[in-house]
């Protein structure tokens, strides 16, 4: 795909391959954990995510409306600057949801980072297949997210290797202030902005 983001660069990060998808600066140099907090708020049930490091510092904010037919979510850094935008596409025949993820708030092909295809909503075990921009037309999946964060079975794979997984889920509160939180373990060298984007896409439609 001409003008698209390059395939994954792999560089050494303290003996681990660096899997840079969104940006090199988001690749951790050692195994780490983050906490993702999701909350519904307002009459339009807007979804807001806060992503915190192990010390409780804000890493990312993600927001978007739950009532849009074709949903979108914008990821911002702690200062509020946009990092990437996720846009949903729906195939009304197959009911399979696809998402396109671009840098910043762009919709230009040159700024496409990756695409995600969700499994059918009636599948027992949810799955996301991730296609880098350069491989999208070839139908070659580079990563898979398998399972549900609700029952602690959610794992992100590159090939047969687990690169990130949900390790703890906190219970949901009452619907008037509906929230949920989950803790995620991320391997050394892995782009944590990429992992957060996949988790947002997994949880945005709430069929898991």
N, C-alpha and C. Protein backbone atom coordinates (compact mmCIF):
# COMPACT_ATOMS: atom_id res chain seq x y z
N UNK A 1 0.85 -1.19 0.00
CA UNK A 1 0.00 0.00 0.00
C UNK A 1 0.89 1.24 0.00
N UNK A 2 0.93 1.98 -1.12
CA UNK A 2 1.83 3.09 -1.28
C UNK A 2 1.54 4.19 -0.27
N UNK A 3 2.62 4.72 0.33
CA UNK A 3 2.47 5.82 1.26
C UNK A 3 2.03 5.41 2.65
N UNK A 4 1.87 4.10 2.93
CA UNK A 4 1.40 3.66 4.23
C UNK A 4 2.56 3.53 5.20
N UNK A 5 2.22 3.36 6.47
CA UNK A 5 3.24 3.19 7.50
C UNK A 5 4.05 1.93 7.22
N UNK A 6 5.36 1.92 7.56
CA UNK A 6 6.20 0.75 7.28
C UNK A 6 5.85 -0.43 8.15
N UNK A 7 6.32 -1.61 7.72
CA UNK A 7 6.14 -2.81 8.53
C UNK A 7 6.96 -2.65 9.81
N UNK A 8 6.68 -3.48 10.79
CA UNK A 8 7.28 -3.33 12.11
C UNK A 8 8.81 -3.33 12.08
N UNK A 9 9.46 -2.27 12.58
CA UNK A 9 10.90 -2.33 12.75
C UNK A 9 11.23 -3.14 13.99
N UNK A 10 12.19 -4.01 13.91
CA UNK A 10 12.60 -4.81 15.06
C UNK A 10 14.03 -4.42 15.44
N UNK A 11 14.19 -3.87 16.62
CA UNK A 11 15.49 -3.46 17.10
C UNK A 11 15.68 -4.03 18.50
N UNK A 12 16.90 -4.08 18.94
CA UNK A 12 17.19 -4.66 20.25
C UNK A 12 16.88 -3.67 21.36
N UNK A 13 16.12 -4.11 22.35
CA UNK A 13 15.86 -3.33 23.56
C UNK A 13 16.23 -4.21 24.74
N UNK A 14 17.46 -4.06 25.20
CA UNK A 14 17.97 -4.85 26.31
C UNK A 14 17.73 -6.34 26.07
N UNK A 15 18.06 -6.79 24.86
CA UNK A 15 17.95 -8.21 24.55
C UNK A 15 16.59 -8.63 24.04
N UNK A 16 15.60 -7.75 24.03
CA UNK A 16 14.26 -8.08 23.53
C UNK A 16 14.04 -7.38 22.19
N UNK A 17 13.32 -8.02 21.27
CA UNK A 17 12.99 -7.32 20.02
C UNK A 17 12.01 -6.19 20.30
N UNK A 18 12.23 -5.04 19.66
CA UNK A 18 11.32 -3.92 19.86
C UNK A 18 10.20 -4.00 18.84
N UNK A 19 8.95 -4.03 19.31
CA UNK A 19 7.79 -4.10 18.45
C UNK A 19 7.13 -2.72 18.44
N UNK A 20 7.62 -1.86 17.57
CA UNK A 20 7.11 -0.50 17.48
C UNK A 20 6.01 -0.44 16.44
N UNK A 21 4.79 -0.07 16.88
CA UNK A 21 3.64 0.03 15.98
C UNK A 21 3.19 1.48 15.88
N UNK A 22 2.88 2.10 17.02
CA UNK A 22 2.45 3.50 17.04
C UNK A 22 3.67 4.41 17.01
N UNK A 23 4.62 4.17 17.92
CA UNK A 23 5.84 4.99 17.96
C UNK A 23 6.87 4.30 18.84
N UNK A 24 8.15 4.48 18.50
CA UNK A 24 9.23 3.88 19.29
C UNK A 24 9.19 4.31 20.75
N UNK A 25 8.74 5.54 21.00
CA UNK A 25 8.77 6.08 22.36
C UNK A 25 7.84 5.34 23.31
N UNK A 26 6.91 4.54 22.76
CA UNK A 26 5.97 3.79 23.60
C UNK A 26 6.43 2.36 23.85
N UNK A 27 7.61 2.01 23.41
CA UNK A 27 8.13 0.66 23.64
C UNK A 27 8.83 0.60 24.99
N UNK A 28 8.36 -0.26 25.86
CA UNK A 28 8.92 -0.36 27.21
C UNK A 28 10.22 -1.14 27.17
N UNK A 29 11.18 -0.76 28.03
CA UNK A 29 12.49 -1.42 28.04
C UNK A 29 12.55 -2.59 29.01
N UNK A 30 11.49 -2.80 29.77
CA UNK A 30 11.41 -3.94 30.68
C UNK A 30 9.95 -4.31 30.85
N UNK A 31 9.64 -5.53 31.29
CA UNK A 31 8.23 -5.89 31.50
C UNK A 31 7.56 -4.89 32.44
N UNK A 32 6.34 -4.53 32.14
CA UNK A 32 5.66 -3.52 32.95
C UNK A 32 4.17 -3.83 33.03
N UNK A 33 3.48 -3.10 33.90
CA UNK A 33 2.03 -3.22 34.02
C UNK A 33 1.39 -1.85 33.90
N UNK A 34 0.20 -1.82 33.31
CA UNK A 34 -0.59 -0.60 33.25
C UNK A 34 -2.00 -0.92 33.73
N UNK A 35 -2.72 0.10 34.12
CA UNK A 35 -4.14 -0.06 34.51
C UNK A 35 -4.99 0.76 33.56
N UNK A 36 -6.02 0.12 33.02
CA UNK A 36 -6.96 0.80 32.13
C UNK A 36 -8.27 0.97 32.88
N UNK A 37 -8.73 2.21 33.00
CA UNK A 37 -10.00 2.51 33.67
C UNK A 37 -10.98 3.05 32.65
N UNK A 38 -12.12 2.38 32.55
CA UNK A 38 -13.15 2.76 31.58
C UNK A 38 -14.39 3.23 32.34
N UNK A 39 -14.97 4.34 31.88
CA UNK A 39 -16.13 4.90 32.57
C UNK A 39 -17.13 5.43 31.55
N UNK A 40 -18.42 5.17 31.81
CA UNK A 40 -19.50 5.78 31.04
C UNK A 40 -19.96 7.03 31.77
N UNK A 41 -20.19 8.11 31.02
CA UNK A 41 -20.62 9.33 31.68
C UNK A 41 -21.51 10.16 30.75
N UNK A 42 -22.40 10.92 31.34
CA UNK A 42 -23.28 11.81 30.58
C UNK A 42 -24.48 11.08 30.00
N UNK A 43 -25.44 11.88 29.52
CA UNK A 43 -26.67 11.31 28.99
C UNK A 43 -26.44 10.55 27.69
N UNK A 44 -25.32 10.83 27.01
CA UNK A 44 -25.00 10.15 25.76
C UNK A 44 -24.09 8.94 25.98
N UNK A 45 -23.89 8.58 27.26
CA UNK A 45 -23.08 7.42 27.61
C UNK A 45 -21.71 7.45 26.92
N UNK A 46 -21.07 8.61 26.97
CA UNK A 46 -19.73 8.71 26.42
C UNK A 46 -18.78 7.79 27.18
N UNK A 47 -17.89 7.15 26.44
CA UNK A 47 -16.89 6.29 27.06
C UNK A 47 -15.61 7.08 27.25
N UNK A 48 -15.07 7.01 28.43
CA UNK A 48 -13.79 7.64 28.70
C UNK A 48 -12.86 6.62 29.34
N UNK A 49 -11.68 6.55 28.81
CA UNK A 49 -10.66 5.65 29.33
C UNK A 49 -9.51 6.49 29.89
N UNK A 50 -9.00 6.04 31.01
CA UNK A 50 -7.75 6.59 31.54
C UNK A 50 -6.77 5.43 31.68
N UNK A 51 -5.56 5.64 31.23
CA UNK A 51 -4.53 4.61 31.29
C UNK A 51 -3.43 5.11 32.21
N UNK A 52 -3.13 4.33 33.25
CA UNK A 52 -2.19 4.73 34.29
C UNK A 52 -1.00 3.78 34.34
N UNK A 53 0.17 4.31 34.70
CA UNK A 53 1.33 3.45 34.91
C UNK A 53 1.28 2.86 36.32
N UNK A 54 2.32 2.12 36.69
CA UNK A 54 2.32 1.42 37.98
C UNK A 54 2.33 2.38 39.16
N UNK A 55 2.72 3.63 38.92
CA UNK A 55 2.76 4.63 39.99
C UNK A 55 1.51 5.50 40.00
N UNK A 56 0.53 5.19 39.14
CA UNK A 56 -0.70 5.95 39.10
C UNK A 56 -0.64 7.20 38.24
N UNK A 57 0.45 7.37 37.48
CA UNK A 57 0.58 8.53 36.61
C UNK A 57 -0.21 8.31 35.32
N UNK A 58 -0.83 9.37 34.83
CA UNK A 58 -1.64 9.27 33.62
C UNK A 58 -0.75 9.15 32.39
N UNK A 59 -1.01 8.10 31.60
CA UNK A 59 -0.29 7.90 30.34
C UNK A 59 -1.11 8.37 29.14
N UNK A 60 -2.37 7.90 29.08
CA UNK A 60 -3.25 8.21 27.96
C UNK A 60 -4.66 8.51 28.45
N UNK A 61 -5.40 9.22 27.61
CA UNK A 61 -6.83 9.38 27.76
C UNK A 61 -7.47 9.00 26.41
N UNK A 62 -8.58 8.29 26.48
CA UNK A 62 -9.31 7.90 25.26
C UNK A 62 -10.78 8.24 25.47
N UNK A 63 -11.42 8.84 24.46
CA UNK A 63 -12.83 9.16 24.63
C UNK A 63 -13.58 9.05 23.31
N UNK A 64 -14.91 8.98 23.43
CA UNK A 64 -15.78 8.89 22.27
C UNK A 64 -17.18 8.52 22.70
N UNK A 65 -18.16 8.82 21.84
CA UNK A 65 -19.56 8.54 22.15
C UNK A 65 -19.90 7.07 21.90
N UNK A 66 -20.79 6.53 22.74
CA UNK A 66 -21.25 5.15 22.57
C UNK A 66 -22.46 5.05 21.65
N UNK A 67 -23.06 6.19 21.29
CA UNK A 67 -24.31 6.17 20.54
C UNK A 67 -24.12 6.40 19.05
N UNK A 68 -22.90 6.64 18.61
CA UNK A 68 -22.65 6.81 17.18
C UNK A 68 -22.80 5.48 16.45
N UNK A 69 -23.37 5.51 15.24
CA UNK A 69 -23.52 4.27 14.48
C UNK A 69 -22.15 3.72 14.10
N UNK A 70 -21.29 4.58 13.57
CA UNK A 70 -19.91 4.20 13.31
C UNK A 70 -19.04 4.90 14.35
N UNK A 71 -18.57 4.13 15.28
CA UNK A 71 -17.89 4.71 16.43
C UNK A 71 -16.47 5.15 16.08
N UNK A 72 -15.98 6.09 16.86
CA UNK A 72 -14.57 6.46 16.77
C UNK A 72 -14.07 6.77 18.17
N UNK A 73 -12.80 6.54 18.37
CA UNK A 73 -12.16 6.81 19.65
C UNK A 73 -10.85 7.53 19.38
N UNK A 74 -10.59 8.58 20.18
CA UNK A 74 -9.36 9.35 20.03
C UNK A 74 -8.49 9.11 21.25
N UNK A 75 -7.25 8.70 21.01
CA UNK A 75 -6.29 8.52 22.09
C UNK A 75 -5.41 9.76 22.19
N UNK A 76 -5.32 10.32 23.41
CA UNK A 76 -4.50 11.50 23.66
C UNK A 76 -3.47 11.19 24.73
N UNK A 77 -2.38 11.93 24.71
CA UNK A 77 -1.40 11.78 25.78
C UNK A 77 -1.88 12.53 27.02
N UNK A 78 -1.07 12.52 28.06
CA UNK A 78 -1.49 13.11 29.34
C UNK A 78 -1.76 14.61 29.21
N UNK A 79 -1.12 15.27 28.23
CA UNK A 79 -1.31 16.70 28.04
C UNK A 79 -2.51 17.01 27.14
N UNK A 80 -3.12 15.97 26.56
CA UNK A 80 -4.30 16.17 25.72
C UNK A 80 -4.02 16.21 24.23
N UNK A 81 -2.78 15.99 23.82
CA UNK A 81 -2.44 16.01 22.39
C UNK A 81 -2.82 14.67 21.76
N UNK A 82 -3.47 14.69 20.58
CA UNK A 82 -3.91 13.44 19.96
C UNK A 82 -2.73 12.59 19.49
N UNK A 83 -2.79 11.29 19.79
CA UNK A 83 -1.78 10.33 19.36
C UNK A 83 -2.27 9.54 18.17
N UNK A 84 -3.52 9.05 18.27
CA UNK A 84 -4.09 8.29 17.17
C UNK A 84 -5.61 8.35 17.26
N UNK A 85 -6.25 8.00 16.15
CA UNK A 85 -7.71 7.93 16.11
C UNK A 85 -8.13 6.59 15.55
N UNK A 86 -9.13 5.98 16.19
CA UNK A 86 -9.66 4.67 15.79
C UNK A 86 -11.06 4.88 15.23
N UNK A 87 -11.30 4.43 14.01
CA UNK A 87 -12.61 4.57 13.38
C UNK A 87 -13.17 3.21 13.01
N UNK A 88 -14.45 3.02 13.30
CA UNK A 88 -15.12 1.74 13.06
C UNK A 88 -15.76 1.72 11.67
N UNK A 89 -15.65 0.57 11.00
CA UNK A 89 -16.40 0.31 9.78
C UNK A 89 -17.22 -0.96 10.01
N UNK A 90 -18.47 -0.97 9.57
CA UNK A 90 -19.35 -2.10 9.82
C UNK A 90 -19.78 -2.72 8.50
N UNK A 91 -19.57 -4.02 8.38
CA UNK A 91 -20.10 -4.77 7.25
C UNK A 91 -21.48 -5.28 7.64
N UNK A 92 -22.52 -4.70 7.06
CA UNK A 92 -23.89 -5.04 7.47
C UNK A 92 -24.30 -6.44 7.05
N UNK A 93 -23.57 -7.03 6.10
CA UNK A 93 -23.90 -8.39 5.66
C UNK A 93 -23.30 -9.42 6.62
N UNK A 94 -22.03 -9.27 6.94
CA UNK A 94 -21.35 -10.25 7.81
C UNK A 94 -21.43 -9.88 9.28
N UNK A 95 -21.77 -8.60 9.57
CA UNK A 95 -21.81 -8.07 10.94
C UNK A 95 -20.43 -8.07 11.59
N UNK A 96 -19.39 -8.18 10.77
CA UNK A 96 -18.03 -8.12 11.31
C UNK A 96 -17.57 -6.67 11.32
N UNK A 97 -17.09 -6.24 12.45
CA UNK A 97 -16.66 -4.86 12.62
C UNK A 97 -15.17 -4.75 12.28
N UNK A 98 -14.84 -3.72 11.53
CA UNK A 98 -13.45 -3.42 11.25
C UNK A 98 -13.13 -2.02 11.77
N UNK A 99 -11.90 -1.84 12.17
CA UNK A 99 -11.43 -0.55 12.65
C UNK A 99 -10.18 -0.17 11.89
N UNK A 100 -10.08 1.13 11.57
CA UNK A 100 -8.89 1.67 10.94
C UNK A 100 -8.27 2.66 11.92
N UNK A 101 -6.96 2.53 12.11
CA UNK A 101 -6.27 3.34 13.11
C UNK A 101 -5.23 4.22 12.41
N UNK A 102 -5.38 5.53 12.57
CA UNK A 102 -4.50 6.51 11.93
C UNK A 102 -3.76 7.33 12.98
N UNK A 103 -2.66 7.93 12.55
CA UNK A 103 -1.91 8.83 13.41
C UNK A 103 -2.70 10.12 13.66
N UNK A 104 -2.54 10.66 14.87
CA UNK A 104 -3.19 11.92 15.21
C UNK A 104 -4.68 11.85 15.02
N UNK A 105 -5.24 12.79 14.25
CA UNK A 105 -6.66 12.76 13.93
C UNK A 105 -6.87 12.63 12.42
N UNK A 106 -5.84 12.12 11.75
CA UNK A 106 -5.86 12.04 10.29
C UNK A 106 -6.78 10.92 9.80
N UNK A 107 -7.20 11.05 8.55
CA UNK A 107 -7.89 9.97 7.86
C UNK A 107 -7.19 9.65 6.54
N UNK A 108 -6.00 10.22 6.35
CA UNK A 108 -5.23 10.04 5.12
C UNK A 108 -4.59 8.66 5.09
N UNK A 109 -4.52 8.09 3.89
CA UNK A 109 -3.93 6.76 3.75
C UNK A 109 -2.48 6.74 4.20
N UNK A 110 -1.75 7.83 3.97
CA UNK A 110 -0.34 7.87 4.35
C UNK A 110 -0.15 7.81 5.86
N UNK A 111 -1.20 8.13 6.63
CA UNK A 111 -1.12 8.12 8.09
C UNK A 111 -1.76 6.88 8.72
N UNK A 112 -2.17 5.94 7.87
CA UNK A 112 -2.74 4.71 8.39
C UNK A 112 -1.66 3.89 9.08
N UNK A 113 -1.93 3.45 10.30
CA UNK A 113 -0.97 2.64 11.06
C UNK A 113 -1.30 1.16 10.93
N UNK A 114 -2.54 0.80 11.29
CA UNK A 114 -2.95 -0.60 11.19
C UNK A 114 -4.47 -0.68 11.14
N UNK A 115 -4.97 -1.84 10.75
CA UNK A 115 -6.39 -2.13 10.74
C UNK A 115 -6.69 -3.33 11.62
N UNK A 116 -7.91 -3.38 12.12
CA UNK A 116 -8.31 -4.47 13.02
C UNK A 116 -9.64 -5.04 12.54
N UNK A 117 -9.73 -6.35 12.47
CA UNK A 117 -11.01 -7.00 12.17
C UNK A 117 -11.44 -7.82 13.37
N UNK A 118 -12.65 -7.56 13.84
CA UNK A 118 -13.20 -8.29 14.98
C UNK A 118 -13.88 -9.55 14.49
N UNK A 119 -13.89 -10.56 15.34
CA UNK A 119 -14.64 -11.78 15.04
C UNK A 119 -16.13 -11.47 15.04
N UNK A 120 -16.92 -12.39 14.53
CA UNK A 120 -18.37 -12.21 14.49
C UNK A 120 -18.89 -12.06 15.92
N UNK A 121 -19.84 -11.16 16.17
CA UNK A 121 -20.33 -10.93 17.55
C UNK A 121 -20.93 -12.16 18.21
N UNK A 122 -21.30 -13.18 17.44
CA UNK A 122 -21.87 -14.39 18.03
C UNK A 122 -20.82 -15.45 18.34
N UNK A 123 -19.57 -15.20 17.96
CA UNK A 123 -18.52 -16.16 18.28
C UNK A 123 -18.35 -16.28 19.79
N UNK A 124 -18.10 -17.49 20.25
CA UNK A 124 -17.99 -17.73 21.69
C UNK A 124 -16.79 -17.00 22.27
N UNK A 125 -15.65 -17.07 21.60
CA UNK A 125 -14.44 -16.41 22.09
C UNK A 125 -14.10 -15.26 21.16
N UNK A 126 -14.18 -14.00 21.64
CA UNK A 126 -13.85 -12.85 20.81
C UNK A 126 -12.40 -12.91 20.33
N UNK A 127 -12.16 -12.34 19.16
CA UNK A 127 -10.80 -12.29 18.60
C UNK A 127 -10.66 -11.04 17.75
N UNK A 128 -9.49 -10.42 17.83
CA UNK A 128 -9.14 -9.34 16.94
C UNK A 128 -7.96 -9.78 16.10
N UNK A 129 -8.06 -9.63 14.78
CA UNK A 129 -6.93 -9.86 13.88
C UNK A 129 -6.40 -8.51 13.46
N UNK A 130 -5.09 -8.31 13.59
CA UNK A 130 -4.47 -7.01 13.37
C UNK A 130 -3.61 -7.06 12.11
N UNK A 131 -3.83 -6.09 11.22
CA UNK A 131 -3.12 -6.04 9.95
C UNK A 131 -2.35 -4.72 9.87
N UNK A 132 -1.03 -4.80 9.71
CA UNK A 132 -0.25 -3.61 9.47
C UNK A 132 -0.65 -3.01 8.12
N UNK A 133 -0.47 -1.70 7.99
CA UNK A 133 -0.93 -1.01 6.78
C UNK A 133 -0.34 -1.63 5.51
N UNK A 134 0.92 -2.03 5.56
CA UNK A 134 1.58 -2.57 4.37
C UNK A 134 1.07 -3.95 3.99
N UNK A 135 0.44 -4.66 4.93
CA UNK A 135 -0.03 -6.02 4.67
C UNK A 135 -1.54 -6.14 4.59
N UNK A 136 -2.24 -5.02 4.68
CA UNK A 136 -3.69 -5.08 4.78
C UNK A 136 -4.33 -5.70 3.53
N UNK A 137 -3.85 -5.29 2.36
CA UNK A 137 -4.42 -5.81 1.13
C UNK A 137 -4.07 -7.28 0.92
N UNK A 138 -2.97 -7.71 1.51
CA UNK A 138 -2.56 -9.11 1.39
C UNK A 138 -3.33 -10.01 2.36
N UNK A 139 -4.03 -9.41 3.32
CA UNK A 139 -4.78 -10.20 4.30
C UNK A 139 -3.88 -10.93 5.27
N UNK A 140 -2.67 -10.40 5.50
CA UNK A 140 -1.71 -11.05 6.39
C UNK A 140 -1.80 -10.42 7.78
N UNK A 141 -2.26 -11.21 8.74
CA UNK A 141 -2.40 -10.73 10.11
C UNK A 141 -1.06 -10.79 10.82
N UNK A 142 -0.70 -9.68 11.49
CA UNK A 142 0.58 -9.62 12.21
C UNK A 142 0.43 -9.90 13.70
N UNK A 143 -0.74 -9.63 14.25
CA UNK A 143 -1.01 -9.85 15.67
C UNK A 143 -2.43 -10.36 15.82
N UNK A 144 -2.70 -11.02 16.95
CA UNK A 144 -4.06 -11.43 17.30
C UNK A 144 -4.29 -11.13 18.78
N UNK A 145 -5.47 -10.64 19.08
CA UNK A 145 -5.93 -10.53 20.46
C UNK A 145 -7.05 -11.55 20.61
N UNK A 146 -6.91 -12.44 21.58
CA UNK A 146 -7.86 -13.53 21.75
C UNK A 146 -8.42 -13.51 23.16
N UNK A 147 -9.76 -13.64 23.27
CA UNK A 147 -10.39 -13.77 24.57
C UNK A 147 -11.03 -12.49 25.06
N UNK A 148 -11.51 -12.54 26.29
CA UNK A 148 -12.26 -11.45 26.90
C UNK A 148 -11.53 -10.93 28.13
N UNK A 149 -11.53 -9.59 28.28
CA UNK A 149 -10.93 -9.03 29.49
C UNK A 149 -11.77 -9.32 30.72
N UNK A 150 -13.06 -9.59 30.54
CA UNK A 150 -13.96 -9.80 31.67
C UNK A 150 -13.59 -11.03 32.47
N UNK A 151 -13.21 -12.12 31.78
CA UNK A 151 -12.89 -13.35 32.50
C UNK A 151 -11.39 -13.62 32.56
N UNK A 152 -10.59 -12.55 32.40
CA UNK A 152 -9.13 -12.67 32.52
C UNK A 152 -8.52 -13.63 31.51
N UNK A 153 -9.15 -13.77 30.35
CA UNK A 153 -8.60 -14.68 29.34
C UNK A 153 -8.03 -13.92 28.14
N UNK A 154 -7.89 -12.60 28.27
CA UNK A 154 -7.50 -11.76 27.14
C UNK A 154 -5.98 -11.75 26.98
N UNK A 155 -5.50 -12.16 25.80
CA UNK A 155 -4.07 -12.19 25.51
C UNK A 155 -3.81 -11.66 24.11
N UNK A 156 -2.68 -10.96 23.96
CA UNK A 156 -2.25 -10.47 22.65
C UNK A 156 -1.07 -11.31 22.19
N UNK A 157 -1.17 -11.81 20.97
CA UNK A 157 -0.14 -12.70 20.42
C UNK A 157 0.55 -12.07 19.23
N UNK A 158 1.84 -12.33 19.10
CA UNK A 158 2.54 -12.20 17.82
C UNK A 158 3.03 -13.59 17.48
N UNK A 159 2.39 -14.20 16.49
CA UNK A 159 2.65 -15.61 16.23
C UNK A 159 2.14 -16.44 17.39
N UNK A 160 3.00 -17.27 17.95
CA UNK A 160 2.62 -18.09 19.11
C UNK A 160 3.05 -17.47 20.43
N UNK A 161 3.63 -16.28 20.38
CA UNK A 161 4.19 -15.66 21.57
C UNK A 161 3.21 -14.65 22.16
N UNK A 162 2.95 -14.77 23.46
CA UNK A 162 2.12 -13.78 24.16
C UNK A 162 2.98 -12.56 24.45
N UNK A 163 2.54 -11.38 23.99
CA UNK A 163 3.29 -10.15 24.22
C UNK A 163 2.62 -9.25 25.25
N UNK A 164 1.34 -9.49 25.55
CA UNK A 164 0.62 -8.74 26.57
C UNK A 164 -0.61 -9.53 26.98
N UNK A 165 -1.07 -9.34 28.22
CA UNK A 165 -2.27 -10.03 28.67
C UNK A 165 -2.92 -9.29 29.84
N UNK A 166 -4.24 -9.40 29.92
CA UNK A 166 -4.98 -8.86 31.06
C UNK A 166 -4.78 -9.81 32.24
N UNK A 167 -4.36 -9.29 33.38
CA UNK A 167 -4.05 -10.16 34.51
C UNK A 167 -4.98 -9.94 35.70
N UNK A 168 -5.79 -8.89 35.66
CA UNK A 168 -6.71 -8.66 36.78
C UNK A 168 -7.82 -7.74 36.32
N UNK A 169 -9.04 -8.00 36.78
CA UNK A 169 -10.20 -7.18 36.42
C UNK A 169 -10.90 -6.77 37.70
N UNK A 170 -11.25 -5.49 37.78
CA UNK A 170 -11.97 -4.97 38.94
C UNK A 170 -13.45 -4.93 38.63
N UNK A 171 -14.31 -5.21 39.58
CA UNK A 171 -15.75 -5.31 39.30
C UNK A 171 -16.35 -4.00 38.84
N UNK A 172 -17.43 -4.14 38.07
CA UNK A 172 -18.18 -2.98 37.60
C UNK A 172 -19.04 -2.43 38.73
N UNK A 173 -19.25 -1.11 38.70
CA UNK A 173 -20.10 -0.46 39.69
C UNK A 173 -21.52 -0.34 39.16
N UNK A 174 -22.37 0.39 39.87
CA UNK A 174 -23.76 0.54 39.46
C UNK A 174 -23.84 1.31 38.14
N UNK A 175 -24.94 1.11 37.41
CA UNK A 175 -25.06 1.64 36.05
C UNK A 175 -25.04 3.17 36.01
N UNK A 176 -25.49 3.83 37.07
CA UNK A 176 -25.51 5.29 37.05
C UNK A 176 -24.12 5.88 37.03
N UNK A 177 -23.15 5.12 37.47
CA UNK A 177 -21.75 5.58 37.43
C UNK A 177 -20.89 4.40 36.97
N UNK A 178 -21.23 3.87 35.80
CA UNK A 178 -20.73 2.57 35.36
C UNK A 178 -19.25 2.63 35.02
N UNK A 179 -18.46 1.84 35.69
CA UNK A 179 -17.02 1.84 35.45
C UNK A 179 -16.49 0.41 35.48
N UNK A 180 -15.35 0.24 34.89
CA UNK A 180 -14.62 -1.02 35.01
C UNK A 180 -13.14 -0.72 34.84
N UNK A 181 -12.31 -1.52 35.45
CA UNK A 181 -10.87 -1.34 35.36
C UNK A 181 -10.21 -2.70 35.17
N UNK A 182 -9.13 -2.72 34.45
CA UNK A 182 -8.37 -3.95 34.31
C UNK A 182 -6.88 -3.65 34.21
N UNK A 183 -6.09 -4.58 34.75
CA UNK A 183 -4.65 -4.44 34.79
C UNK A 183 -4.03 -5.29 33.70
N UNK A 184 -3.02 -4.75 33.05
CA UNK A 184 -2.45 -5.39 31.87
C UNK A 184 -0.94 -5.54 32.05
N UNK A 185 -0.44 -6.72 31.79
CA UNK A 185 1.00 -6.98 31.81
C UNK A 185 1.52 -6.92 30.38
N UNK A 186 2.61 -6.18 30.18
CA UNK A 186 3.16 -5.96 28.85
C UNK A 186 4.63 -6.38 28.84
N UNK A 187 5.02 -7.17 27.86
CA UNK A 187 6.40 -7.65 27.76
C UNK A 187 7.36 -6.53 27.39
N UNK A 188 8.63 -6.75 27.70
CA UNK A 188 9.67 -5.79 27.31
C UNK A 188 9.71 -5.64 25.80
N UNK A 189 9.92 -4.40 25.35
CA UNK A 189 10.04 -4.12 23.93
C UNK A 189 8.73 -3.89 23.21
N UNK A 190 7.59 -4.05 23.91
CA UNK A 190 6.28 -3.96 23.26
C UNK A 190 5.73 -2.54 23.37
N UNK A 191 5.11 -2.08 22.30
CA UNK A 191 4.51 -0.75 22.20
C UNK A 191 3.20 -0.72 23.00
N UNK A 192 3.21 -0.05 24.16
CA UNK A 192 2.02 -0.10 25.02
C UNK A 192 0.87 0.75 24.49
N UNK A 193 1.14 1.75 23.67
CA UNK A 193 0.05 2.51 23.03
C UNK A 193 -0.73 1.60 22.09
N UNK A 194 -0.04 0.74 21.39
CA UNK A 194 -0.66 -0.24 20.50
C UNK A 194 -1.55 -1.20 21.28
N UNK A 195 -1.04 -1.69 22.41
CA UNK A 195 -1.82 -2.63 23.24
C UNK A 195 -3.08 -1.95 23.76
N UNK A 196 -2.97 -0.71 24.21
CA UNK A 196 -4.14 0.02 24.71
C UNK A 196 -5.16 0.21 23.60
N UNK A 197 -4.73 0.53 22.40
CA UNK A 197 -5.65 0.70 21.27
C UNK A 197 -6.43 -0.58 21.02
N UNK A 198 -5.77 -1.73 21.07
CA UNK A 198 -6.46 -3.01 20.87
C UNK A 198 -7.49 -3.26 21.97
N UNK A 199 -7.15 -2.94 23.20
CA UNK A 199 -8.09 -3.16 24.31
C UNK A 199 -9.30 -2.24 24.21
N UNK A 200 -9.08 -1.02 23.74
CA UNK A 200 -10.21 -0.11 23.54
C UNK A 200 -11.13 -0.66 22.46
N UNK A 201 -10.56 -1.12 21.36
CA UNK A 201 -11.38 -1.68 20.28
C UNK A 201 -12.12 -2.92 20.76
N UNK A 202 -11.47 -3.74 21.56
CA UNK A 202 -12.12 -4.94 22.09
C UNK A 202 -13.32 -4.60 22.95
N UNK A 203 -13.19 -3.57 23.78
CA UNK A 203 -14.22 -3.29 24.80
C UNK A 203 -15.26 -2.27 24.36
N UNK A 204 -15.05 -1.60 23.23
CA UNK A 204 -15.90 -0.47 22.89
C UNK A 204 -17.35 -0.87 22.62
N UNK A 205 -17.57 -2.06 22.04
CA UNK A 205 -18.94 -2.48 21.73
C UNK A 205 -19.57 -3.33 22.82
N UNK A 206 -18.78 -3.72 23.81
CA UNK A 206 -19.31 -4.38 25.01
C UNK A 206 -20.11 -5.64 24.72
N UNK A 207 -19.69 -6.42 23.71
CA UNK A 207 -20.35 -7.72 23.58
C UNK A 207 -19.54 -8.80 24.23
N UNK A 208 -18.39 -8.44 24.82
CA UNK A 208 -17.58 -9.44 25.50
C UNK A 208 -17.91 -9.42 26.99
